[in-house]
Structure formats: structure tokens, C-alpha cells
Amino acid sequence: MSLADTQCAWTTTTGPEGRDVSGLAFDPSDPDVLYAVKNKSWVFRLVPQDGLWVPDTSNGWGAGKEIFFPGSDDPQTNQPDTEGLTVGPDGALYVTTERNNQKNDVPLNSVLRFDPTQTGTTLVATDQWDLTSEFPELHAGNKTEANLGFEGVAFVPDSYLTANGFVDESTGTTYRPADYPGHGSGLFFAGLENDGKLYGYALDADHTYHRVAVVDTGMGHVMDVQFDASTQRIWALCDNTCGVASTVLKVSTTGAIVPEVTYAKPAGLPVDNLEGFAVAPASTCADGTREVLWSDDGIYGTGPGSAGEGHALYSGRISCDLGLGDQGVPPGPAAWDATKVYDAGDRVSYDGAVFEALWWTSGEKPGASATGAWAEIATAADGTAAWTASRVFDAGDVVVYQGRTFKAQWWTRNQAPGGVGGPWSEIVAVAPGTVPAWSAATVYVGGERVTYGGHVYQAQWWTSGEQPGAPYGPWKLVD
């Protein structure tokens, strides 16, 4: 473990101390380029020199570049509190923010896109995805909560997710990039300091977004996130609140992203406010190890006069082969062949999904029709069947659809759950010993109880879609 920068290398007009570096990311196209984001609106491009990482002096990078929200380069109104960054497939820098520096008690959890090839000493974001509304638990007017938003961020390629059968939590089925045509070639996973979870989003070109997953890292806080192409894993870092631990995450056999192993900090690394983390690309491996970097978001390290005072970067080594096991959903059936004859019960894979033949078929493309020979077979992360339009369900079958659970009342195909009077009855989750809330999509029989409007009602006869409380209706007020 060693210091990896010169003292006070990151001094800026908005933060004169030589530390306060919050996020790190290697450039996937050049292992000799490391980007660092400083808390108060600065990005640095670093290159190796005499065993240290120093500012690149080309293209205006010598003293770092001051960064701004889209629209202007006014430092009084438009500067982000910058926390983490990743390099996208387009070579752009994607930076997370918690707030506007001029409104430090108002959450502004965003992902900003910057073009690092832009000349000059300032960078104005070309795009912004404002995800603040996704986290209502972080209240405006509370400075502490406003400082518990987005920290690190990692771009995770679709190729990794689809190869391992990653499940889209918003649909309960295997993730299909084609469902998000404007999102590019991967998802962005942002770490929320408040709860230690990663939030995966498809960020569309029109600045809309769609949440695809929430990942519990098992740590109380997350300060940085990185996708490591070498080990095909996602890394999450926690700071001194967790003893500077790092957790490796994988895609499980059910398609969920889960913690795999947690590494304690190496000997010699101080238990400081370390908020940046980066693992060097596999191409840098030497004698079986490669470099790992941490950055310090504090000012004085372990105290004034300590060895780390005025330094931000620490360097260590990690084995290139971590000996991690397999990951992902077990391989599915063989790919569909247009020339092959299939009988009822045969299964094939096509366009990232699994289909089962309902009768003899040949040449019919799976998924071409919701009432054709092929039924799409999908499973939610908990093992429950996921509803698909082409699958046949019999009375009693239970499915997950749009995050809700339903039971079939009779044979059905190509009828989506959730309507009133159809073949599906919603199963409302309820804690043991409590009465479930009324659902318009649930079928009730005489004697069943529900809560509605703060009261308990009992069904007097079979009913569906009729709200409790109406006079002369099927519901009797009991409490």
C-alpha cells in the first residue's frame, strides 16, 4: 500500500485542499488514463509518471476542468456537487451529483454526461438525467439527507447482463435491451449512500429513464461502483463507516444481482473517508497482480501532520484471478431452427427468451403471435412464473406481472392480469394476522375480509371490482 499522488495535487478554486476526490474510473480504451472527480465540481484526467498518478497536461487538463450542469458555466448558480463517475461506451464521462452547490439542502440526484475531448478548462454537461423524484425519502430542506444521495456510478454493458440471464425487476422477466430502444448499450448503476443499494437505470437519449433493478450490496452505505470487465463483476465500495470494505457482486442463478464476496481493506490503507475506487484493466496485469486505487474525500487523512495529509490517492495490488466461481442463470435450451420440426413440449431459445411448443410446428418464428404454436416461458426472480401473452395458464396457476401476483380463475391465454372481471385474481401480500387491503383486481367470496378507507369489510357473496362502502353492495362494514 502506498501513496499514489503528489501532495496537494488537486488544489482548486472551489476547494483549495489537496484532497476531496470522490470518484475514480479508468478509461476502458486506455489503461494509462484515470479520471477523478472532485467533490466541488471538478474533473481531472490523470496519467502515470514515476510511479504516481499526475494531472495530464494536454488539452487544458493540467489544473483539472471545472464542470457545470447543462445550460451555462455560471459558478454561482449552476455547479453540481459531484460524487462519482464512469466512462460510457461513447467515451463520455457520466458523473453523479447529489445537489447544486448553491442549494446544499435540496437533493438533486442526477447523472450528467460530459464530453472529455472538449477544449478549454471548463466542461458544460451535454445531458442530464434528473432522478431526484425516485428518492422521496431524501427531503428538501434537510442538509443531512441532501448529502445522502448518489455517490458512485458504473456503466454495465448489456452484453454482460444478457449473457448471464439478468432479470428486469420492473417486468419480472429476463432483461431485454430491445425493450428500451433509446438507452444505448448498457445500464447505469448508481450507488445511493443513504441505504447502501445500487439503482440500475436505462437512461434514454431523450433524458427519460426507467428503473430496471435495485441491488442490495449488504453494506450500509455505497461510495463508489465499478464494473470490472476482467472478472465480469460489479464492485461496490463502502467508506470508513464500513471499515473501507469492498463487495463484489454477481448475477445469481435466478437472474438477480447479489453480493458474492466482501474484501476487507488491505493492511496500510487508512480508515478514512475513502469514496473512490478503481481496479486497473486486465491488460495491466503483471506477475499475477494489477493495481487498485482508492481516493480520499477528506482533507487531513488521519490528522494534520499524518503521512496522508494533502494526498488523495492510495495504490495497492490485487490478484488478477480472484478465483470467483460461475455466475448467471443456467444455460437454456438450444436456439430455434427454422428448418427443424418441433413437437408439443419442445423448448427453444429465441431473441433472449425461452419458448415451448404447444403443438407440432415447423418454420413458425417464436414470439410472432400471442396465439400461435409457441408459448414464452419466463420466471420471476423468486421462481414464480412470470406472465407472458403467449403462455397458457390453467386455473390455480400463480404468476407475477408488473410486480404484482395473480392467480388464474380458469384457462387463459393472452389476457393480461390486472383487469376487473377477467380470468385473474390478484393475491395481495399481507402480514400474518392482518387483514389485506381491498384490490379491484381480486375475486372475493362470502366471508373474506379486507381493509378499505381505514375500515374492515366482509364480503357477503362473490364479488370483484366493487368497492367496499357502497349501500346495498356485497360488502358489510365490520369495524
Protein backbone atom coordinates (compact mmCIF):
# COMPACT_ATOMS: atom_id res chain seq x y z
CA MET A 1 0.00 0.00 0.00
CA SER A 2 1.46 3.37 -0.99
CA LEU A 3 0.56 6.98 -1.73
CA ALA A 4 -0.13 7.42 -5.42
CA ASP A 5 -0.17 11.21 -5.91
CA THR A 6 1.90 14.25 -5.04
CA GLN A 7 0.89 16.33 -2.05
CA CYS A 8 -1.84 18.91 -2.71
CA ALA A 9 -2.06 17.93 -6.38
CA TRP A 10 -5.79 18.62 -6.60
CA THR A 11 -5.99 22.19 -5.36
CA THR A 12 -8.84 24.14 -6.99
CA THR A 13 -10.58 27.48 -6.55
CA THR A 14 -13.69 25.78 -5.13
CA GLY A 15 -11.77 23.52 -2.78
CA PRO A 16 -8.19 24.56 -2.00
CA GLU A 17 -7.33 21.44 -0.07
CA GLY A 18 -5.35 18.83 -1.97
CA ARG A 19 -7.78 16.02 -1.34
CA ASP A 20 -11.58 15.83 -1.57
CA VAL A 21 -11.53 13.38 -4.50
CA SER A 22 -14.74 11.40 -4.55
CA GLY A 23 -14.77 9.09 -7.58
CA LEU A 24 -12.33 7.24 -9.85
CA ALA A 25 -12.63 5.45 -13.19
CA PHE A 26 -10.11 4.00 -15.62
CA ASP A 27 -10.65 4.76 -19.29
CA PRO A 28 -11.59 1.37 -20.83
CA SER A 29 -9.84 2.35 -24.06
CA ASP A 30 -6.55 3.38 -22.42
CA PRO A 31 -5.24 1.84 -19.17
CA ASP A 32 -2.85 4.78 -18.81
CA VAL A 33 -5.71 7.22 -18.31
CA LEU A 34 -7.54 7.56 -15.00
CA TYR A 35 -10.35 10.04 -14.42
CA ALA A 36 -11.05 11.51 -10.98
CA VAL A 37 -13.98 13.67 -9.91
CA LYS A 38 -13.59 16.14 -7.08
CA ASN A 39 -16.50 16.90 -4.76
CA LYS A 40 -16.96 20.52 -5.71
CA SER A 41 -17.35 20.49 -9.47
CA TRP A 42 -14.02 19.40 -10.93
CA VAL A 43 -12.85 16.51 -13.09
CA PHE A 44 -9.19 15.53 -13.56
CA ARG A 45 -7.59 13.39 -16.22
CA LEU A 46 -4.60 11.53 -14.74
CA VAL A 47 -1.65 9.72 -16.30
CA PRO A 48 1.14 7.64 -14.71
CA GLN A 49 4.51 9.25 -14.05
CA ASP A 50 7.35 7.83 -11.94
CA GLY A 51 5.03 5.53 -10.04
CA LEU A 52 2.43 8.22 -9.30
CA TRP A 53 -0.75 9.44 -10.96
CA VAL A 54 -0.39 13.07 -12.04
CA PRO A 55 -2.60 15.52 -13.96
CA ASP A 56 -2.48 15.17 -17.73
CA THR A 57 -1.21 18.46 -19.18
CA SER A 58 -2.80 18.09 -22.63
CA ASN A 59 -6.00 19.74 -23.90
CA GLY A 60 -6.44 22.06 -20.90
CA TRP A 61 -6.42 19.26 -18.31
CA GLY A 62 -3.36 20.48 -16.38
CA ALA A 63 -5.31 22.00 -13.47
CA GLY A 64 -8.45 19.94 -13.96
CA LYS A 65 -11.65 21.07 -15.66
CA GLU A 66 -14.44 22.84 -13.83
CA ILE A 67 -17.80 21.26 -14.62
CA PHE A 68 -21.35 22.58 -14.79
CA PHE A 69 -24.94 21.48 -15.21
CA PRO A 70 -26.35 21.91 -18.74
CA GLY A 71 -27.14 25.44 -19.83
CA SER A 72 -24.37 27.68 -18.54
CA ASP A 73 -20.97 27.91 -16.90
CA ASP A 74 -22.12 30.20 -14.11
CA PRO A 75 -20.33 29.11 -10.91
CA GLN A 76 -22.83 30.99 -8.76
CA THR A 77 -25.91 29.06 -9.85
CA ASN A 78 -25.09 26.03 -11.99
CA GLN A 79 -22.40 23.87 -10.40
CA PRO A 80 -23.02 20.27 -9.28
CA ASP A 81 -21.87 18.64 -6.07
CA THR A 82 -20.01 15.90 -7.94
CA GLU A 83 -19.55 12.47 -6.38
CA GLY A 84 -18.82 9.62 -8.81
CA LEU A 85 -18.08 8.96 -12.45
CA THR A 86 -17.85 6.25 -15.07
CA VAL A 87 -16.79 6.14 -18.69
CA GLY A 88 -19.57 5.23 -21.09
CA PRO A 89 -19.30 3.21 -24.32
CA ASP A 90 -19.27 6.52 -26.22
CA GLY A 91 -16.13 7.65 -24.37
CA ALA A 92 -18.10 10.30 -22.48
CA LEU A 93 -17.86 10.84 -18.73
CA TYR A 94 -21.03 10.18 -16.75
CA VAL A 95 -20.94 11.95 -13.38
CA THR A 96 -23.33 11.59 -10.43
CA THR A 97 -24.50 14.55 -8.37
CA GLU A 98 -26.27 14.88 -5.03
CA ARG A 99 -27.23 18.57 -5.27
CA ASN A 100 -26.46 22.00 -6.69
CA ASN A 101 -23.61 23.57 -4.70
CA GLN A 102 -25.67 26.73 -4.15
CA LYS A 103 -28.58 24.76 -2.68
CA ASN A 104 -26.89 22.25 -0.44
CA ASP A 105 -30.07 21.36 1.47
CA VAL A 106 -32.01 20.36 -1.67
CA PRO A 107 -31.44 16.89 -3.18
CA LEU A 108 -30.64 16.85 -6.90
CA ASN A 109 -29.73 13.26 -7.68
CA SER A 110 -28.67 13.30 -11.30
CA VAL A 111 -26.44 11.68 -13.87
CA LEU A 112 -24.61 14.17 -16.08
CA ARG A 113 -22.86 13.47 -19.39
CA PHE A 114 -19.65 15.32 -20.34
CA ASP A 115 -17.52 15.22 -23.47
CA PRO A 116 -13.92 14.87 -22.24
CA THR A 117 -12.50 15.84 -25.65
CA GLN A 118 -13.97 19.34 -25.37
CA THR A 119 -11.27 22.01 -25.40
CA GLY A 120 -10.74 24.63 -22.71
CA THR A 121 -10.70 24.38 -18.95
CA THR A 122 -14.45 24.05 -18.35
CA LEU A 123 -16.98 21.37 -19.25
CA VAL A 124 -20.72 22.01 -19.51
CA ALA A 125 -22.83 18.86 -19.36
CA THR A 126 -24.38 17.84 -22.67
CA ASP A 127 -27.13 15.85 -20.96
CA GLN A 128 -28.78 15.44 -17.57
CA TRP A 129 -30.98 12.70 -16.18
CA ASP A 130 -32.67 14.05 -13.05
CA LEU A 131 -33.72 11.10 -10.86
CA THR A 132 -34.47 13.08 -7.70
CA SER A 133 -38.14 12.07 -7.68
CA GLU A 134 -37.08 8.42 -7.37
CA PHE A 135 -35.97 9.03 -3.77
CA PRO A 136 -38.70 10.91 -1.86
CA GLU A 137 -37.17 9.74 1.41
CA LEU A 138 -34.45 12.38 0.90
CA HIS A 139 -36.34 15.55 1.82
CA ALA A 140 -35.70 19.06 0.58
CA GLY A 141 -34.68 21.44 3.34
CA ASN A 142 -32.65 18.81 5.15
CA LYS A 143 -28.93 19.26 4.53
CA THR A 144 -28.07 15.87 6.02
CA GLU A 145 -30.49 14.00 3.78
CA ALA A 146 -29.42 16.00 0.73
CA ASN A 147 -25.90 14.69 1.36
CA LEU A 148 -27.01 11.03 1.33
CA GLY A 149 -27.82 10.73 -2.37
CA PHE A 150 -25.94 9.41 -5.39
CA GLU A 151 -22.28 8.62 -4.88
CA GLY A 152 -20.61 6.26 -7.36
CA VAL A 153 -21.91 5.10 -10.72
CA ALA A 154 -20.93 2.32 -13.12
CA PHE A 155 -21.85 1.61 -16.71
CA VAL A 156 -22.69 -2.10 -17.03
CA PRO A 157 -22.87 -3.41 -20.62
CA ASP A 158 -25.95 -5.19 -21.91
CA SER A 159 -23.73 -7.99 -23.18
CA TYR A 160 -22.81 -8.93 -19.59
CA LEU A 161 -26.38 -8.73 -18.35
CA THR A 162 -27.95 -10.76 -21.15
CA ALA A 163 -25.19 -13.37 -21.17
CA ASN A 164 -25.96 -14.12 -17.52
CA GLY A 165 -29.75 -14.04 -17.68
CA PHE A 166 -30.19 -10.86 -15.65
CA VAL A 167 -33.85 -10.33 -14.66
CA ASP A 168 -35.52 -6.96 -15.22
CA GLU A 169 -37.25 -6.33 -11.88
CA SER A 170 -39.75 -3.94 -13.47
CA THR A 171 -41.19 -6.74 -15.60
CA GLY A 172 -40.19 -9.84 -13.63
CA THR A 173 -38.77 -11.37 -16.81
CA THR A 174 -35.36 -11.73 -18.41
CA TYR A 175 -33.87 -8.35 -19.30
CA ARG A 176 -34.32 -7.42 -22.95
CA PRO A 177 -32.33 -4.42 -24.17
CA ALA A 178 -34.77 -4.01 -27.04
CA ASP A 179 -37.46 -3.01 -24.51
CA TYR A 180 -35.55 0.26 -24.05
CA PRO A 181 -34.70 1.31 -27.61
CA GLY A 182 -33.22 4.68 -26.68
CA HIS A 183 -30.93 3.59 -23.86
CA GLY A 184 -27.76 2.71 -25.74
CA SER A 185 -25.81 -0.47 -25.00
CA GLY A 186 -26.00 -0.85 -21.23
CA LEU A 187 -27.43 0.22 -17.89
CA PHE A 188 -26.12 2.70 -15.34
CA PHE A 189 -25.98 1.51 -11.73
CA ALA A 190 -25.83 4.41 -9.26
CA GLY A 191 -24.93 3.85 -5.62
CA LEU A 192 -27.11 5.60 -3.02
CA GLU A 193 -25.23 6.49 0.14
CA ASN A 194 -28.42 6.56 2.20
CA ASP A 195 -29.20 2.84 2.02
CA GLY A 196 -26.18 1.12 0.51
CA LYS A 197 -28.10 -0.01 -2.57
CA LEU A 198 -27.41 0.20 -6.29
CA TYR A 199 -30.16 1.52 -8.54
CA GLY A 200 -30.00 0.32 -12.13
CA TYR A 201 -31.42 2.55 -14.87
CA ALA A 202 -31.87 2.58 -18.61
CA LEU A 203 -31.06 6.20 -19.45
CA ASP A 204 -32.75 7.16 -22.69
CA ALA A 205 -31.41 9.65 -25.21
CA ASP A 206 -34.44 11.90 -24.64
CA HIS A 207 -33.47 12.22 -20.94
CA THR A 208 -36.22 9.93 -19.71
CA TYR A 209 -35.27 6.86 -17.68
CA HIS A 210 -36.58 3.52 -16.48
CA ARG A 211 -35.59 1.77 -13.26
CA VAL A 212 -34.67 -1.82 -14.02
CA ALA A 213 -33.26 -3.06 -10.70
CA VAL A 214 -32.50 -2.31 -7.07
CA VAL A 215 -29.49 -4.19 -5.72
CA ASP A 216 -28.76 -4.60 -2.01
CA THR A 217 -24.99 -4.63 -1.57
CA GLY A 218 -25.27 -5.84 2.02
CA MET A 219 -23.34 -2.76 3.15
CA GLY A 220 -24.89 0.16 4.96
CA HIS A 221 -23.53 2.72 2.51
CA VAL A 222 -22.11 2.81 -1.03
CA MET A 223 -19.46 5.34 -2.05
CA ASP A 224 -18.29 4.05 -5.42
CA VAL A 225 -19.28 1.47 -8.01
CA GLN A 226 -17.32 -0.13 -10.82
CA PHE A 227 -17.90 -2.77 -13.46
CA ASP A 228 -14.75 -4.86 -13.84
CA ALA A 229 -14.65 -6.32 -17.35
CA SER A 230 -11.79 -8.64 -16.36
CA THR A 231 -13.64 -10.55 -13.64
CA GLN A 232 -17.07 -9.79 -15.14
CA ARG A 233 -18.26 -8.50 -11.80
CA ILE A 234 -19.62 -5.31 -10.22
CA TRP A 235 -17.66 -3.81 -7.33
CA ALA A 236 -19.14 -1.60 -4.60
CA LEU A 237 -17.09 0.38 -2.06
CA CYS A 238 -18.09 1.47 1.42
CA ASP A 239 -16.03 4.12 3.27
CA ASN A 240 -14.87 4.31 6.89
CA THR A 241 -18.44 3.63 8.09
CA CYS A 242 -17.83 0.02 6.96
CA GLY A 243 -14.10 -0.12 7.59
CA VAL A 244 -13.42 0.59 3.87
CA ALA A 245 -14.78 -2.74 2.69
CA SER A 246 -15.33 -3.68 -0.96
CA THR A 247 -18.09 -6.06 -2.08
CA VAL A 248 -18.05 -8.00 -5.34
CA LEU A 249 -21.48 -8.67 -6.85
CA LYS A 250 -22.59 -11.17 -9.50
CA VAL A 251 -25.70 -12.29 -11.36
CA SER A 252 -27.21 -15.21 -9.41
CA THR A 253 -28.82 -18.37 -10.76
CA THR A 254 -32.20 -16.61 -10.51
CA GLY A 255 -31.06 -13.60 -12.53
CA ALA A 256 -30.75 -11.16 -9.61
CA ILE A 257 -27.56 -9.23 -8.86
CA VAL A 258 -26.36 -10.30 -5.41
CA PRO A 259 -23.26 -9.94 -3.20
CA GLU A 260 -20.69 -12.67 -3.81
CA VAL A 261 -17.73 -11.84 -1.57
CA THR A 262 -16.63 -8.90 0.57
CA TYR A 263 -12.98 -7.92 0.90
CA ALA A 264 -11.59 -6.09 3.91
CA LYS A 265 -9.25 -3.19 3.30
CA PRO A 266 -5.59 -4.08 2.77
CA ALA A 267 -3.10 -3.51 5.54
CA GLY A 268 -1.73 0.02 5.46
CA LEU A 269 -4.83 1.63 3.93
CA PRO A 270 -6.15 4.15 6.47
CA VAL A 271 -9.74 4.01 7.65
CA ASP A 272 -10.54 7.41 6.17
CA ASN A 273 -13.42 8.83 4.17
CA LEU A 274 -12.37 6.87 1.09
CA GLU A 275 -15.04 7.44 -1.57
CA GLY A 276 -13.30 6.49 -4.81
CA PHE A 277 -12.30 3.04 -6.06
CA ALA A 278 -10.93 1.73 -9.34
CA VAL A 279 -9.45 -1.58 -10.47
CA ALA A 280 -6.98 -1.37 -13.36
CA PRO A 281 -7.90 -3.19 -16.60
CA ALA A 282 -6.74 -6.76 -17.17
CA SER A 283 -4.22 -5.58 -19.77
CA THR A 284 -2.11 -4.14 -16.95
CA CYS A 285 -1.64 -7.45 -15.14
CA ALA A 286 1.98 -8.11 -14.17
CA ASP A 287 3.24 -11.09 -12.19
CA GLY A 288 -0.34 -12.09 -11.48
CA THR A 289 -1.48 -8.79 -9.97
CA ARG A 290 -2.88 -5.45 -11.08
CA GLU A 291 -3.28 -2.04 -9.48
CA VAL A 292 -6.19 -0.96 -7.28
CA LEU A 293 -6.71 2.69 -6.36
CA TRP A 294 -8.66 4.41 -3.59
CA SER A 295 -9.32 8.15 -3.30
CA ASP A 296 -9.83 10.16 -0.12
CA ASP A 297 -12.73 12.59 0.09
CA GLY A 298 -11.41 14.15 3.28
CA ILE A 299 -8.84 16.86 3.98
CA TYR A 300 -6.42 15.76 6.67
CA GLY A 301 -6.27 12.00 6.36
CA THR A 302 -5.65 10.51 9.77
CA GLY A 303 -4.90 14.01 11.07
CA PRO A 304 -2.73 17.09 10.41
CA GLY A 305 0.86 16.06 10.02
CA SER A 306 0.00 12.46 9.11
CA ALA A 307 1.63 10.75 6.15
CA GLY A 308 -1.54 11.09 4.12
CA GLU A 309 -2.16 14.78 4.76
CA GLY A 310 -2.72 16.57 1.46
CA HIS A 311 -2.80 13.33 -0.53
CA ALA A 312 -5.88 11.81 -2.16
CA LEU A 313 -4.77 8.61 -3.87
CA TYR A 314 -3.67 5.27 -2.42
CA SER A 315 -2.37 2.39 -4.53
CA GLY A 316 -2.35 -1.34 -3.87
CA ARG A 317 -2.30 -4.62 -5.81
CA ILE A 318 -4.89 -7.35 -6.28
CA SER A 319 -4.68 -10.78 -7.85
CA CYS A 320 -5.68 -10.77 -11.50
CA ASP A 321 -7.50 -14.05 -10.95
CA LEU A 322 -9.71 -13.80 -7.89
CA GLY A 323 -10.85 -17.41 -8.22
CA LEU A 324 -14.50 -16.44 -8.43
CA GLY A 325 -16.96 -19.14 -9.46
CA ASP A 326 -19.60 -19.29 -12.12
CA GLN A 327 -22.49 -16.87 -12.24
CA GLY A 328 -25.74 -16.35 -14.04
CA VAL A 329 -28.86 -18.30 -14.88
CA PRO A 330 -28.02 -21.83 -16.12
CA PRO A 331 -27.99 -22.07 -19.92
CA GLY A 332 -31.37 -22.54 -21.57
CA PRO A 333 -32.43 -24.74 -24.49
CA ALA A 334 -30.91 -24.73 -27.96
CA ALA A 335 -31.63 -21.88 -30.35
CA TRP A 336 -34.73 -22.12 -32.55
CA ASP A 337 -34.04 -23.57 -36.02
CA ALA A 338 -36.44 -22.54 -38.79
CA THR A 339 -35.84 -25.83 -40.63
CA LYS A 340 -36.46 -28.12 -37.68
CA VAL A 341 -39.71 -29.88 -36.74
CA TYR A 342 -40.84 -29.40 -33.12
CA ASP A 343 -43.42 -31.36 -31.15
CA ALA A 344 -45.55 -30.28 -28.20
CA GLY A 345 -43.37 -29.74 -25.13
CA ASP A 346 -40.15 -29.00 -27.05
CA ARG A 347 -38.34 -25.88 -25.83
CA VAL A 348 -36.12 -23.45 -27.73
CA SER A 349 -34.40 -20.14 -27.11
CA TYR A 350 -35.05 -17.18 -29.39
CA ASP A 351 -34.27 -13.45 -29.10
CA GLY A 352 -33.17 -13.87 -25.47
CA ALA A 353 -36.33 -15.71 -24.35
CA VAL A 354 -37.40 -19.34 -23.87
CA PHE A 355 -40.40 -20.74 -25.77
CA GLU A 356 -42.29 -24.05 -25.52
CA ALA A 357 -44.15 -25.64 -28.42
CA LEU A 358 -47.83 -26.19 -27.71
CA TRP A 359 -48.32 -28.43 -30.76
CA TRP A 360 -46.43 -29.68 -33.81
CA THR A 361 -44.75 -26.79 -35.59
CA SER A 362 -42.04 -26.01 -38.12
CA GLY A 363 -40.97 -22.68 -39.53
CA GLU A 364 -43.14 -20.59 -37.22
CA LYS A 365 -41.00 -17.98 -35.54
CA PRO A 366 -41.33 -17.97 -31.71
CA GLY A 367 -42.98 -14.80 -30.44
CA ALA A 368 -44.51 -13.94 -33.79
CA SER A 369 -48.04 -14.45 -32.43
CA ALA A 370 -49.55 -14.47 -28.95
CA THR A 371 -51.90 -17.26 -30.05
CA GLY A 372 -49.51 -19.30 -32.18
CA ALA A 373 -47.69 -22.55 -31.61
CA TRP A 374 -45.10 -21.09 -29.25
CA ALA A 375 -45.63 -20.08 -25.61
CA GLU A 376 -43.00 -17.86 -23.99
CA ILE A 377 -41.83 -19.34 -20.68
CA ALA A 378 -40.46 -16.82 -18.17
CA THR A 379 -39.74 -16.92 -14.45
CA ALA A 380 -39.56 -14.09 -11.91
CA ALA A 381 -36.53 -13.71 -9.66
CA ASP A 382 -38.33 -15.55 -6.82
CA GLY A 383 -39.06 -18.58 -9.02
CA THR A 384 -42.74 -17.74 -9.65
CA ALA A 385 -43.96 -17.93 -13.24
CA ALA A 386 -43.97 -14.56 -14.98
CA TRP A 387 -46.98 -13.76 -17.15
CA THR A 388 -46.37 -13.65 -20.90
CA ALA A 389 -49.06 -13.11 -23.51
CA SER A 390 -48.42 -16.37 -25.39
CA ARG A 391 -48.23 -18.72 -22.40
CA VAL A 392 -51.20 -20.90 -21.45
CA PHE A 393 -52.29 -20.80 -17.80
CA ASP A 394 -54.77 -23.11 -16.09
CA ALA A 395 -57.00 -22.49 -13.08
CA GLY A 396 -54.88 -22.17 -9.95
CA ASP A 397 -51.69 -21.08 -11.72
CA VAL A 398 -49.89 -18.20 -9.96
CA VAL A 399 -47.97 -15.56 -11.90
CA VAL A 400 -46.09 -12.31 -11.36
CA TYR A 401 -47.00 -9.36 -13.58
CA GLN A 402 -45.68 -5.79 -13.23
CA GLY A 403 -44.58 -6.51 -9.67
CA ARG A 404 -47.98 -7.91 -8.59
CA THR A 405 -49.05 -11.53 -8.01
CA PHE A 406 -52.17 -13.09 -9.54
CA LYS A 407 -53.96 -16.46 -9.59
CA ALA A 408 -55.79 -17.78 -12.66
CA GLN A 409 -59.50 -18.50 -12.12
CA TRP A 410 -59.80 -20.56 -15.32
CA TRP A 411 -57.89 -21.42 -18.50
CA THR A 412 -56.46 -18.27 -20.05
CA ARG A 413 -54.07 -17.08 -22.73
CA ASN A 414 -53.23 -13.58 -23.97
CA GLN A 415 -55.28 -11.87 -21.25
CA ALA A 416 -53.13 -9.60 -19.07
CA PRO A 417 -53.69 -9.72 -15.29
CA GLY A 418 -54.98 -6.65 -13.51
CA GLY A 419 -58.39 -6.06 -15.05
CA VAL A 420 -61.82 -6.47 -13.47
CA GLY A 421 -63.99 -9.42 -14.40
CA GLY A 422 -61.30 -11.36 -16.23
CA PRO A 423 -59.60 -14.66 -15.51
CA TRP A 424 -57.13 -13.28 -12.98
CA SER A 425 -57.48 -12.57 -9.27
CA GLU A 426 -54.79 -10.54 -7.52
CA ILE A 427 -53.12 -12.05 -4.48
CA VAL A 428 -52.47 -9.13 -2.14
CA ALA A 429 -49.46 -9.52 0.14
CA VAL A 430 -50.37 -9.35 3.81
CA ALA A 431 -48.50 -9.75 7.07
CA PRO A 432 -49.54 -12.72 9.22
CA GLY A 433 -52.50 -11.91 11.44
CA THR A 434 -53.55 -8.82 9.48
CA VAL A 435 -56.34 -8.14 7.00
CA PRO A 436 -55.32 -7.48 3.37
CA ALA A 437 -56.17 -4.27 1.57
CA TRP A 438 -59.02 -4.40 -0.96
CA SER A 439 -57.96 -4.75 -4.60
CA ALA A 440 -60.21 -4.14 -7.58
CA ALA A 441 -58.41 -6.97 -9.37
CA THR A 442 -59.10 -9.60 -6.71
CA VAL A 443 -62.02 -12.05 -6.66
CA TYR A 444 -63.61 -12.40 -3.23
CA VAL A 445 -66.12 -14.95 -1.90
CA GLY A 446 -68.51 -14.65 1.01
CA GLY A 447 -66.78 -14.38 4.38
CA GLU A 448 -63.48 -12.88 3.20
CA ARG A 449 -62.34 -9.67 4.87
CA VAL A 450 -60.48 -6.62 3.55
CA THR A 451 -59.45 -3.16 4.70
CA TYR A 452 -60.56 -0.10 2.78
CA GLY A 453 -60.62 3.57 3.75
CA GLY A 454 -59.46 2.75 7.26
CA HIS A 455 -62.25 0.23 7.90
CA VAL A 456 -62.65 -3.55 7.77
CA TYR A 457 -65.30 -5.04 5.48
CA GLN A 458 -66.55 -8.60 4.98
CA ALA A 459 -67.81 -9.95 1.66
CA GLN A 460 -71.39 -11.24 1.80
CA TRP A 461 -71.17 -13.04 -1.54
CA TRP A 462 -68.90 -13.43 -4.57
CA THR A 463 -67.61 -10.05 -5.75
CA SER A 464 -64.92 -8.45 -7.87
CA GLY A 465 -64.27 -4.81 -8.71
CA GLU A 466 -66.96 -3.44 -6.37
CA GLN A 467 -65.57 -1.02 -3.79
CA PRO A 468 -66.47 -1.59 -0.13
CA GLY A 469 -68.73 1.01 1.43
CA ALA A 470 -71.45 1.29 -1.22
CA PRO A 471 -75.01 0.87 0.14
CA TYR A 472 -76.71 -2.44 -0.66
CA GLY A 473 -73.43 -3.78 -2.08
CA PRO A 474 -71.61 -7.03 -1.40
CA TRP A 475 -69.56 -5.61 1.47
CA LYS A 476 -70.60 -5.38 5.12
CA LEU A 477 -68.82 -3.00 7.50
CA VAL A 478 -67.47 -4.96 10.46
CA ASP A 479 -65.02 -2.50 12.00
